[in-house]
Amino acid sequence: MCAIVIMGVTGCGKSTIATAVCQRTGAYLIEGDEFHPPENVRKMSAGIPLTDEDRQGWLERLTQEAADRLTASEHVVLTCSALKRRYRDTLRNTVPNLGFVFLALTPEQATERVAHRTDHFMPASLVASQFRDLEVPDGEPLVLAVEAIKPVDVIAEEVVAWWGGLE
């Protein structure tokens, strides 16, 4: 498996964990937030949850970027909330044998983390909508669930060991 997605609700630590995994593996990082169109960022910044339609083009851009990077024979780590099964399936349909690392935490933990961020467009008011949309990936193939409140180094090592064991 050459690509994994670090997924979960806002505030779960996707970017932090993905960066730590890339530092350990030399994989190429695709930061999903950087691919949101300006209208999506405006909506989220205003506290308006994204719809499935809003997310579709974004997911398509992410899958294309991942596929392009894999064509160059790179290992890829993608950050993407991937909240619903159909979003994950969109990614899986383009990137074969795609793995997912689900960073799990409670709504209270997510709200606390997001409330203390100063460098992100997603306000704490959207945490509840993220949990409403979340379809936990239980029983799906190639999924590692990790408690997001563990130390970053512990999570990164767990992810690297899991990912390496699948190749």
N, C-alpha and C. Protein backbone atom coordinates (compact mmCIF):
# COMPACT_ATOMS: atom_id res chain seq x y z
N MET A 1 0.86 -1.18 0.00
CA MET A 1 0.00 0.00 0.00
C MET A 1 0.90 1.23 0.00
N CYS A 2 0.74 2.04 -1.02
CA CYS A 2 1.60 3.21 -1.18
C CYS A 2 0.98 4.49 -0.65
N ALA A 3 -0.30 4.46 -0.27
CA ALA A 3 -0.95 5.69 0.17
C ALA A 3 -1.88 5.43 1.34
N ILE A 4 -1.89 6.40 2.26
CA ILE A 4 -2.82 6.36 3.38
C ILE A 4 -3.46 7.74 3.54
N VAL A 5 -4.65 7.72 4.12
CA VAL A 5 -5.37 8.94 4.46
C VAL A 5 -5.42 9.05 5.97
N ILE A 6 -5.03 10.18 6.50
CA ILE A 6 -5.22 10.47 7.91
C ILE A 6 -6.54 11.22 7.99
N MET A 7 -7.53 10.63 8.66
CA MET A 7 -8.91 11.13 8.61
C MET A 7 -9.49 11.35 10.00
N GLY A 8 -10.54 12.13 10.03
CA GLY A 8 -11.28 12.38 11.26
C GLY A 8 -11.86 13.78 11.26
N VAL A 9 -12.58 14.08 12.32
CA VAL A 9 -13.23 15.39 12.43
C VAL A 9 -12.20 16.49 12.64
N THR A 10 -12.64 17.72 12.48
CA THR A 10 -11.78 18.85 12.72
C THR A 10 -11.21 18.80 14.13
N GLY A 11 -9.94 19.12 14.25
CA GLY A 11 -9.29 19.15 15.56
C GLY A 11 -8.72 17.82 16.01
N CYS A 12 -8.85 16.77 15.23
CA CYS A 12 -8.36 15.46 15.67
C CYS A 12 -6.84 15.33 15.52
N GLY A 13 -6.21 16.22 14.77
CA GLY A 13 -4.76 16.17 14.63
C GLY A 13 -4.28 15.61 13.30
N LYS A 14 -5.10 15.66 12.28
CA LYS A 14 -4.73 15.10 10.97
C LYS A 14 -3.39 15.64 10.46
N SER A 15 -3.26 16.94 10.42
CA SER A 15 -2.05 17.56 9.88
C SER A 15 -0.82 17.23 10.72
N THR A 16 -0.98 17.28 12.02
CA THR A 16 0.14 16.99 12.92
C THR A 16 0.62 15.56 12.77
N ILE A 17 -0.32 14.62 12.75
CA ILE A 17 0.05 13.21 12.63
C ILE A 17 0.61 12.93 11.24
N ALA A 18 -0.01 13.47 10.21
CA ALA A 18 0.49 13.26 8.85
C ALA A 18 1.92 13.76 8.70
N THR A 19 2.20 14.93 9.24
CA THR A 19 3.56 15.47 9.18
C THR A 19 4.54 14.56 9.89
N ALA A 20 4.16 14.06 11.06
CA ALA A 20 5.04 13.17 11.82
C ALA A 20 5.28 11.86 11.07
N VAL A 21 4.26 11.33 10.43
CA VAL A 21 4.41 10.09 9.66
C VAL A 21 5.32 10.34 8.46
N CYS A 22 5.13 11.45 7.77
CA CYS A 22 5.97 11.78 6.62
C CYS A 22 7.43 11.96 7.02
N GLN A 23 7.67 12.57 8.16
CA GLN A 23 9.04 12.74 8.64
C GLN A 23 9.71 11.39 8.88
N ARG A 24 8.94 10.41 9.32
CA ARG A 24 9.50 9.09 9.61
C ARG A 24 9.65 8.21 8.37
N THR A 25 8.84 8.46 7.35
CA THR A 25 8.80 7.56 6.19
C THR A 25 9.32 8.17 4.90
N GLY A 26 9.43 9.48 4.85
CA GLY A 26 9.81 10.14 3.61
C GLY A 26 8.67 10.23 2.61
N ALA A 27 7.45 9.92 3.05
CA ALA A 27 6.28 9.99 2.17
C ALA A 27 5.97 11.45 1.82
N TYR A 28 5.26 11.62 0.72
CA TYR A 28 4.84 12.94 0.26
C TYR A 28 3.53 13.31 0.95
N LEU A 29 3.47 14.49 1.54
CA LEU A 29 2.28 14.95 2.24
C LEU A 29 1.38 15.75 1.30
N ILE A 30 0.12 15.34 1.25
CA ILE A 30 -0.91 16.13 0.57
C ILE A 30 -1.84 16.64 1.66
N GLU A 31 -1.78 17.94 1.91
CA GLU A 31 -2.59 18.57 2.94
C GLU A 31 -3.95 18.92 2.34
N GLY A 32 -4.95 18.15 2.70
CA GLY A 32 -6.28 18.28 2.11
C GLY A 32 -6.86 19.67 2.19
N ASP A 33 -6.64 20.38 3.29
CA ASP A 33 -7.21 21.72 3.43
C ASP A 33 -6.73 22.68 2.35
N GLU A 34 -5.54 22.44 1.82
CA GLU A 34 -4.99 23.33 0.79
C GLU A 34 -5.72 23.19 -0.55
N PHE A 35 -6.55 22.17 -0.68
CA PHE A 35 -7.23 21.93 -1.95
C PHE A 35 -8.70 22.37 -1.93
N HIS A 36 -9.16 22.89 -0.79
CA HIS A 36 -10.53 23.41 -0.75
C HIS A 36 -10.63 24.63 -1.65
N PRO A 37 -11.69 24.71 -2.46
CA PRO A 37 -11.88 25.93 -3.24
C PRO A 37 -12.21 27.10 -2.32
N PRO A 38 -11.96 28.32 -2.77
CA PRO A 38 -12.21 29.49 -1.92
C PRO A 38 -13.63 29.55 -1.34
N GLU A 39 -14.62 29.12 -2.11
CA GLU A 39 -16.00 29.17 -1.61
C GLU A 39 -16.18 28.25 -0.40
N ASN A 40 -15.56 27.07 -0.43
CA ASN A 40 -15.64 26.18 0.73
C ASN A 40 -15.00 26.82 1.96
N VAL A 41 -13.85 27.43 1.77
CA VAL A 41 -13.16 28.09 2.90
C VAL A 41 -14.01 29.22 3.44
N ARG A 42 -14.64 30.00 2.54
CA ARG A 42 -15.51 31.11 2.99
C ARG A 42 -16.68 30.56 3.82
N LYS A 43 -17.29 29.48 3.34
CA LYS A 43 -18.42 28.90 4.06
C LYS A 43 -17.98 28.43 5.45
N MET A 44 -16.91 27.68 5.50
CA MET A 44 -16.46 27.16 6.79
C MET A 44 -16.05 28.30 7.73
N SER A 45 -15.35 29.28 7.20
CA SER A 45 -14.93 30.43 8.02
C SER A 45 -16.13 31.15 8.62
N ALA A 46 -17.24 31.14 7.88
CA ALA A 46 -18.48 31.78 8.34
C ALA A 46 -19.31 30.87 9.24
N GLY A 47 -18.80 29.67 9.52
CA GLY A 47 -19.53 28.74 10.38
C GLY A 47 -20.63 27.97 9.67
N ILE A 48 -20.55 27.89 8.35
CA ILE A 48 -21.55 27.17 7.56
C ILE A 48 -20.97 25.80 7.18
N PRO A 49 -21.63 24.72 7.60
CA PRO A 49 -21.12 23.39 7.26
C PRO A 49 -21.15 23.14 5.75
N LEU A 50 -20.18 22.37 5.26
CA LEU A 50 -20.16 22.00 3.86
C LEU A 50 -21.19 20.91 3.58
N THR A 51 -21.72 20.93 2.38
CA THR A 51 -22.65 19.90 1.93
C THR A 51 -21.88 18.82 1.17
N ASP A 52 -22.56 17.73 0.87
CA ASP A 52 -21.94 16.70 0.04
C ASP A 52 -21.51 17.28 -1.30
N GLU A 53 -22.33 18.15 -1.85
CA GLU A 53 -22.00 18.79 -3.14
C GLU A 53 -20.75 19.65 -3.02
N ASP A 54 -20.63 20.39 -1.91
CA ASP A 54 -19.43 21.21 -1.69
C ASP A 54 -18.18 20.35 -1.64
N ARG A 55 -18.30 19.20 -1.05
CA ARG A 55 -17.13 18.33 -0.84
C ARG A 55 -16.75 17.53 -2.10
N GLN A 56 -17.69 17.31 -3.01
CA GLN A 56 -17.43 16.42 -4.15
C GLN A 56 -16.25 16.87 -4.99
N GLY A 57 -16.24 18.12 -5.42
CA GLY A 57 -15.14 18.62 -6.24
C GLY A 57 -13.82 18.57 -5.50
N TRP A 58 -13.87 18.86 -4.22
CA TRP A 58 -12.67 18.82 -3.37
C TRP A 58 -12.12 17.39 -3.33
N LEU A 59 -12.99 16.42 -3.10
CA LEU A 59 -12.55 15.03 -3.07
C LEU A 59 -11.96 14.60 -4.42
N GLU A 60 -12.56 15.04 -5.49
CA GLU A 60 -12.03 14.71 -6.82
C GLU A 60 -10.64 15.29 -7.03
N ARG A 61 -10.44 16.52 -6.56
CA ARG A 61 -9.10 17.14 -6.66
C ARG A 61 -8.08 16.37 -5.83
N LEU A 62 -8.49 15.94 -4.65
CA LEU A 62 -7.58 15.17 -3.79
C LEU A 62 -7.21 13.83 -4.41
N THR A 63 -8.21 13.14 -4.97
CA THR A 63 -7.91 11.84 -5.57
C THR A 63 -6.98 12.00 -6.77
N GLN A 64 -7.18 13.05 -7.54
CA GLN A 64 -6.30 13.28 -8.70
C GLN A 64 -4.88 13.58 -8.24
N GLU A 65 -4.74 14.40 -7.22
CA GLU A 65 -3.41 14.73 -6.69
C GLU A 65 -2.72 13.47 -6.18
N ALA A 66 -3.44 12.65 -5.43
CA ALA A 66 -2.86 11.41 -4.91
C ALA A 66 -2.46 10.48 -6.05
N ALA A 67 -3.33 10.32 -7.03
CA ALA A 67 -3.02 9.46 -8.18
C ALA A 67 -1.80 9.97 -8.93
N ASP A 68 -1.70 11.28 -9.12
CA ASP A 68 -0.55 11.86 -9.81
C ASP A 68 0.74 11.58 -9.04
N ARG A 69 0.69 11.75 -7.74
CA ARG A 69 1.89 11.52 -6.92
C ARG A 69 2.29 10.05 -6.93
N LEU A 70 1.31 9.18 -6.92
CA LEU A 70 1.61 7.75 -6.93
C LEU A 70 2.18 7.31 -8.28
N THR A 71 1.78 7.98 -9.35
CA THR A 71 2.35 7.70 -10.66
C THR A 71 3.84 7.98 -10.66
N ALA A 72 4.25 8.93 -9.86
CA ALA A 72 5.67 9.27 -9.73
C ALA A 72 6.37 8.32 -8.75
N SER A 73 5.70 7.23 -8.37
CA SER A 73 6.24 6.20 -7.47
C SER A 73 6.54 6.70 -6.07
N GLU A 74 5.79 7.66 -5.62
CA GLU A 74 5.98 8.18 -4.27
C GLU A 74 4.99 7.54 -3.32
N HIS A 75 5.40 7.41 -2.08
CA HIS A 75 4.46 7.06 -1.03
C HIS A 75 3.76 8.36 -0.63
N VAL A 76 2.46 8.26 -0.37
CA VAL A 76 1.66 9.46 -0.13
C VAL A 76 0.90 9.33 1.18
N VAL A 77 0.88 10.44 1.92
CA VAL A 77 0.02 10.59 3.10
C VAL A 77 -0.88 11.78 2.81
N LEU A 78 -2.18 11.53 2.84
CA LEU A 78 -3.18 12.55 2.53
C LEU A 78 -3.98 12.85 3.80
N THR A 79 -4.16 14.13 4.09
CA THR A 79 -5.07 14.51 5.17
C THR A 79 -6.41 14.87 4.56
N CYS A 80 -7.44 14.27 5.10
CA CYS A 80 -8.80 14.50 4.59
C CYS A 80 -9.76 14.04 5.66
N SER A 81 -10.76 14.85 5.96
CA SER A 81 -11.72 14.46 6.98
C SER A 81 -12.39 13.13 6.64
N ALA A 82 -12.72 12.92 5.37
CA ALA A 82 -13.30 11.65 4.89
C ALA A 82 -14.39 11.16 5.85
N LEU A 83 -15.29 12.05 6.20
CA LEU A 83 -16.27 11.77 7.25
C LEU A 83 -17.27 10.67 6.90
N LYS A 84 -17.64 10.58 5.64
CA LYS A 84 -18.67 9.61 5.25
C LYS A 84 -18.06 8.48 4.43
N ARG A 85 -18.71 7.33 4.50
CA ARG A 85 -18.24 6.17 3.74
C ARG A 85 -18.16 6.50 2.26
N ARG A 86 -19.11 7.21 1.73
CA ARG A 86 -19.08 7.50 0.29
C ARG A 86 -17.90 8.39 -0.07
N TYR A 87 -17.45 9.25 0.85
CA TYR A 87 -16.26 10.06 0.58
C TYR A 87 -15.03 9.15 0.53
N ARG A 88 -14.97 8.23 1.49
CA ARG A 88 -13.84 7.30 1.50
C ARG A 88 -13.86 6.42 0.25
N ASP A 89 -15.05 6.01 -0.18
CA ASP A 89 -15.15 5.19 -1.38
C ASP A 89 -14.73 5.98 -2.62
N THR A 90 -15.02 7.26 -2.68
CA THR A 90 -14.54 8.09 -3.78
C THR A 90 -13.03 8.04 -3.85
N LEU A 91 -12.39 8.17 -2.70
CA LEU A 91 -10.93 8.10 -2.65
C LEU A 91 -10.44 6.70 -3.03
N ARG A 92 -11.08 5.68 -2.49
CA ARG A 92 -10.68 4.29 -2.78
C ARG A 92 -10.82 3.95 -4.26
N ASN A 93 -11.83 4.49 -4.92
CA ASN A 93 -12.07 4.17 -6.32
C ASN A 93 -10.96 4.66 -7.23
N THR A 94 -10.23 5.66 -6.82
CA THR A 94 -9.14 6.21 -7.63
C THR A 94 -7.79 5.68 -7.19
N VAL A 95 -7.64 5.42 -5.92
CA VAL A 95 -6.35 4.97 -5.37
C VAL A 95 -6.53 3.56 -4.82
N PRO A 96 -6.12 2.54 -5.56
CA PRO A 96 -6.31 1.16 -5.10
C PRO A 96 -5.54 0.88 -3.81
N ASN A 97 -6.10 0.01 -2.98
CA ASN A 97 -5.48 -0.41 -1.73
C ASN A 97 -5.15 0.77 -0.81
N LEU A 98 -5.99 1.76 -0.81
CA LEU A 98 -5.80 2.94 0.02
C LEU A 98 -6.12 2.61 1.47
N GLY A 99 -5.22 2.98 2.36
CA GLY A 99 -5.44 2.77 3.79
C GLY A 99 -5.95 4.04 4.44
N PHE A 100 -6.66 3.87 5.56
CA PHE A 100 -7.19 5.00 6.31
C PHE A 100 -6.80 4.88 7.77
N VAL A 101 -6.33 5.98 8.34
CA VAL A 101 -6.05 6.07 9.76
C VAL A 101 -7.09 7.00 10.35
N PHE A 102 -7.98 6.44 11.16
CA PHE A 102 -9.06 7.22 11.77
C PHE A 102 -8.61 7.69 13.14
N LEU A 103 -8.49 9.01 13.30
CA LEU A 103 -8.11 9.62 14.57
C LEU A 103 -9.39 9.92 15.35
N ALA A 104 -9.66 9.10 16.33
CA ALA A 104 -10.91 9.18 17.08
C ALA A 104 -10.76 10.05 18.33
N LEU A 105 -11.76 10.87 18.58
CA LEU A 105 -11.85 11.63 19.81
C LEU A 105 -13.30 12.02 20.03
N THR A 106 -13.59 12.54 21.21
CA THR A 106 -14.96 12.90 21.56
C THR A 106 -15.28 14.30 21.05
N PRO A 107 -16.57 14.62 20.96
CA PRO A 107 -16.94 15.99 20.58
C PRO A 107 -16.34 17.04 21.53
N GLU A 108 -16.29 16.71 22.79
CA GLU A 108 -15.74 17.65 23.78
C GLU A 108 -14.25 17.88 23.53
N GLN A 109 -13.52 16.81 23.26
CA GLN A 109 -12.09 16.94 22.98
C GLN A 109 -11.85 17.75 21.71
N ALA A 110 -12.64 17.48 20.68
CA ALA A 110 -12.49 18.22 19.41
C ALA A 110 -12.79 19.70 19.61
N THR A 111 -13.87 20.00 20.32
CA THR A 111 -14.24 21.40 20.56
C THR A 111 -13.14 22.13 21.31
N GLU A 112 -12.59 21.49 22.32
CA GLU A 112 -11.50 22.09 23.11
C GLU A 112 -10.29 22.39 22.21
N ARG A 113 -9.92 21.44 21.39
CA ARG A 113 -8.76 21.64 20.52
C ARG A 113 -9.01 22.75 19.51
N VAL A 114 -10.17 22.74 18.86
CA VAL A 114 -10.46 23.73 17.83
C VAL A 114 -10.57 25.13 18.44
N ALA A 115 -11.12 25.22 19.63
CA ALA A 115 -11.27 26.52 20.29
C ALA A 115 -9.92 27.19 20.55
N HIS A 116 -8.86 26.40 20.67
CA HIS A 116 -7.54 26.95 20.97
C HIS A 116 -6.67 27.15 19.72
N ARG A 117 -7.19 26.82 18.55
CA ARG A 117 -6.42 27.03 17.32
C ARG A 117 -6.56 28.48 16.87
N THR A 118 -5.48 29.04 16.42
CA THR A 118 -5.53 30.42 15.93
C THR A 118 -5.17 30.52 14.45
N ASP A 119 -4.73 29.41 13.87
CA ASP A 119 -4.20 29.45 12.50
C ASP A 119 -5.02 28.60 11.53
N HIS A 120 -6.32 28.47 11.78
CA HIS A 120 -7.14 27.63 10.93
C HIS A 120 -8.49 28.29 10.69
N PHE A 121 -9.07 28.04 9.50
CA PHE A 121 -10.34 28.68 9.13
C PHE A 121 -11.56 28.01 9.74
N MET A 122 -11.42 26.83 10.29
CA MET A 122 -12.58 26.08 10.79
C MET A 122 -12.88 26.49 12.24
N PRO A 123 -14.05 27.09 12.48
CA PRO A 123 -14.40 27.51 13.84
C PRO A 123 -14.94 26.34 14.68
N ALA A 124 -14.86 26.48 15.98
CA ALA A 124 -15.35 25.45 16.91
C ALA A 124 -16.85 25.22 16.73
N SER A 125 -17.57 26.21 16.21
CA SER A 125 -19.02 26.06 16.02
C SER A 125 -19.37 24.95 15.03
N LEU A 126 -18.40 24.52 14.22
CA LEU A 126 -18.68 23.47 13.23
C LEU A 126 -18.36 22.05 13.72
N VAL A 127 -17.84 21.93 14.93
CA VAL A 127 -17.49 20.60 15.44
C VAL A 127 -18.72 19.69 15.47
N ALA A 128 -19.84 20.21 15.95
CA ALA A 128 -21.06 19.38 16.05
C ALA A 128 -21.49 18.87 14.68
N SER A 129 -21.39 19.71 13.64
CA SER A 129 -21.80 19.27 12.31
C SER A 129 -20.85 18.19 11.78
N GLN A 130 -19.60 18.26 12.16
CA GLN A 130 -18.65 17.22 11.75
C GLN A 130 -19.04 15.87 12.36
N PHE A 131 -19.41 15.89 13.63
CA PHE A 131 -19.83 14.64 14.28
C PHE A 131 -21.16 14.14 13.73
N ARG A 132 -22.04 15.05 13.32
CA ARG A 132 -23.31 14.61 12.69
C ARG A 132 -23.03 13.88 11.38
N ASP A 133 -22.05 14.34 10.63
CA ASP A 133 -21.72 13.73 9.35
C ASP A 133 -20.85 12.48 9.48
N LEU A 134 -20.15 12.35 10.58
CA LEU A 134 -19.18 11.26 10.74
C LEU A 134 -19.84 9.89 10.70
N GLU A 135 -19.37 9.06 9.78
CA GLU A 135 -19.71 7.64 9.74
C GLU A 135 -18.41 6.91 10.08
N VAL A 136 -18.32 6.43 11.31
CA VAL A 136 -17.10 5.78 11.78
C VAL A 136 -16.79 4.60 10.86
N PRO A 137 -15.52 4.45 10.45
CA PRO A 137 -15.18 3.43 9.46
C PRO A 137 -15.03 2.01 10.02
N ASP A 138 -15.81 1.66 11.01
CA ASP A 138 -15.77 0.32 11.58
C ASP A 138 -16.11 -0.71 10.51
N GLY A 139 -15.31 -1.75 10.43
CA GLY A 139 -15.57 -2.84 9.51
C GLY A 139 -15.16 -2.59 8.07
N GLU A 140 -14.63 -1.41 7.77
CA GLU A 140 -14.16 -1.13 6.42
C GLU A 140 -12.75 -1.69 6.25
N PRO A 141 -12.36 -2.00 5.02
CA PRO A 141 -11.02 -2.57 4.79
C PRO A 141 -9.91 -1.54 4.97
N LEU A 142 -8.76 -2.03 5.42
CA LEU A 142 -7.54 -1.24 5.52
C LEU A 142 -7.74 0.03 6.35
N VAL A 143 -8.30 -0.13 7.55
CA VAL A 143 -8.51 0.99 8.46
C VAL A 143 -7.83 0.72 9.79
N LEU A 144 -7.09 1.69 10.27
CA LEU A 144 -6.51 1.67 11.60
C LEU A 144 -7.19 2.78 12.39
N ALA A 145 -7.82 2.43 13.51
CA ALA A 145 -8.43 3.43 14.40
C ALA A 145 -7.46 3.68 15.55
N VAL A 146 -7.23 4.96 15.84
CA VAL A 146 -6.29 5.36 16.88
C VAL A 146 -6.95 6.43 17.74
N GLU A 147 -6.73 6.35 19.04
CA GLU A 147 -7.21 7.41 19.93
C GLU A 147 -6.37 8.67 19.70
N ALA A 148 -7.00 9.73 19.26
CA ALA A 148 -6.29 10.95 18.87
C ALA A 148 -5.66 11.69 20.05
N ILE A 149 -6.00 11.31 21.26
CA ILE A 149 -5.44 12.02 22.42
C ILE A 149 -4.10 11.43 22.87
N LYS A 150 -3.66 10.36 22.25
CA LYS A 150 -2.33 9.81 22.56
C LYS A 150 -1.27 10.82 22.12
N PRO A 151 -0.06 10.72 22.68
CA PRO A 151 1.02 11.60 22.22
C PRO A 151 1.31 11.41 20.72
N VAL A 152 1.68 12.48 20.06
CA VAL A 152 1.94 12.46 18.63
C VAL A 152 2.94 11.38 18.25
N ASP A 153 4.05 11.28 18.99
CA ASP A 153 5.07 10.29 18.66
C ASP A 153 4.53 8.87 18.75
N VAL A 154 3.68 8.61 19.73
CA VAL A 154 3.10 7.28 19.89
C VAL A 154 2.19 6.96 18.71
N ILE A 155 1.35 7.91 18.34
CA ILE A 155 0.44 7.70 17.21
C ILE A 155 1.25 7.50 15.92
N ALA A 156 2.23 8.36 15.69
CA ALA A 156 3.02 8.28 14.46
C ALA A 156 3.71 6.92 14.35
N GLU A 157 4.28 6.44 15.43
CA GLU A 157 4.96 5.14 15.40
C GLU A 157 3.96 4.01 15.16
N GLU A 158 2.78 4.12 15.75
CA GLU A 158 1.73 3.11 15.53
C GLU A 158 1.31 3.09 14.06
N VAL A 159 1.15 4.26 13.48
CA VAL A 159 0.75 4.36 12.07
C VAL A 159 1.84 3.79 11.17
N VAL A 160 3.08 4.17 11.42
CA VAL A 160 4.20 3.69 10.60
C VAL A 160 4.32 2.17 10.67
N ALA A 161 4.18 1.62 11.86
CA ALA A 161 4.25 0.16 12.02
C ALA A 161 3.11 -0.53 11.27
N TRP A 162 1.91 0.00 11.40
CA TRP A 162 0.75 -0.56 10.70
C TRP A 162 0.93 -0.49 9.21
N TRP A 163 1.32 0.69 8.71
CA TRP A 163 1.48 0.91 7.28
C TRP A 163 2.57 0.00 6.72
N GLY A 164 3.68 -0.08 7.42
CA GLY A 164 4.77 -0.95 6.98
C GLY A 164 4.38 -2.42 6.96
N GLY A 165 3.52 -2.81 7.86
CA GLY A 165 3.06 -4.20 7.91
C GLY A 165 2.12 -4.58 6.79
N LEU A 166 1.57 -3.59 6.10
CA LEU A 166 0.63 -3.85 5.03
C LEU A 166 1.29 -3.95 3.66
N GLU A 167 2.54 -3.50 3.57
CA GLU A 167 3.21 -3.50 2.26
C GLU A 167 3.84 -4.83 1.95
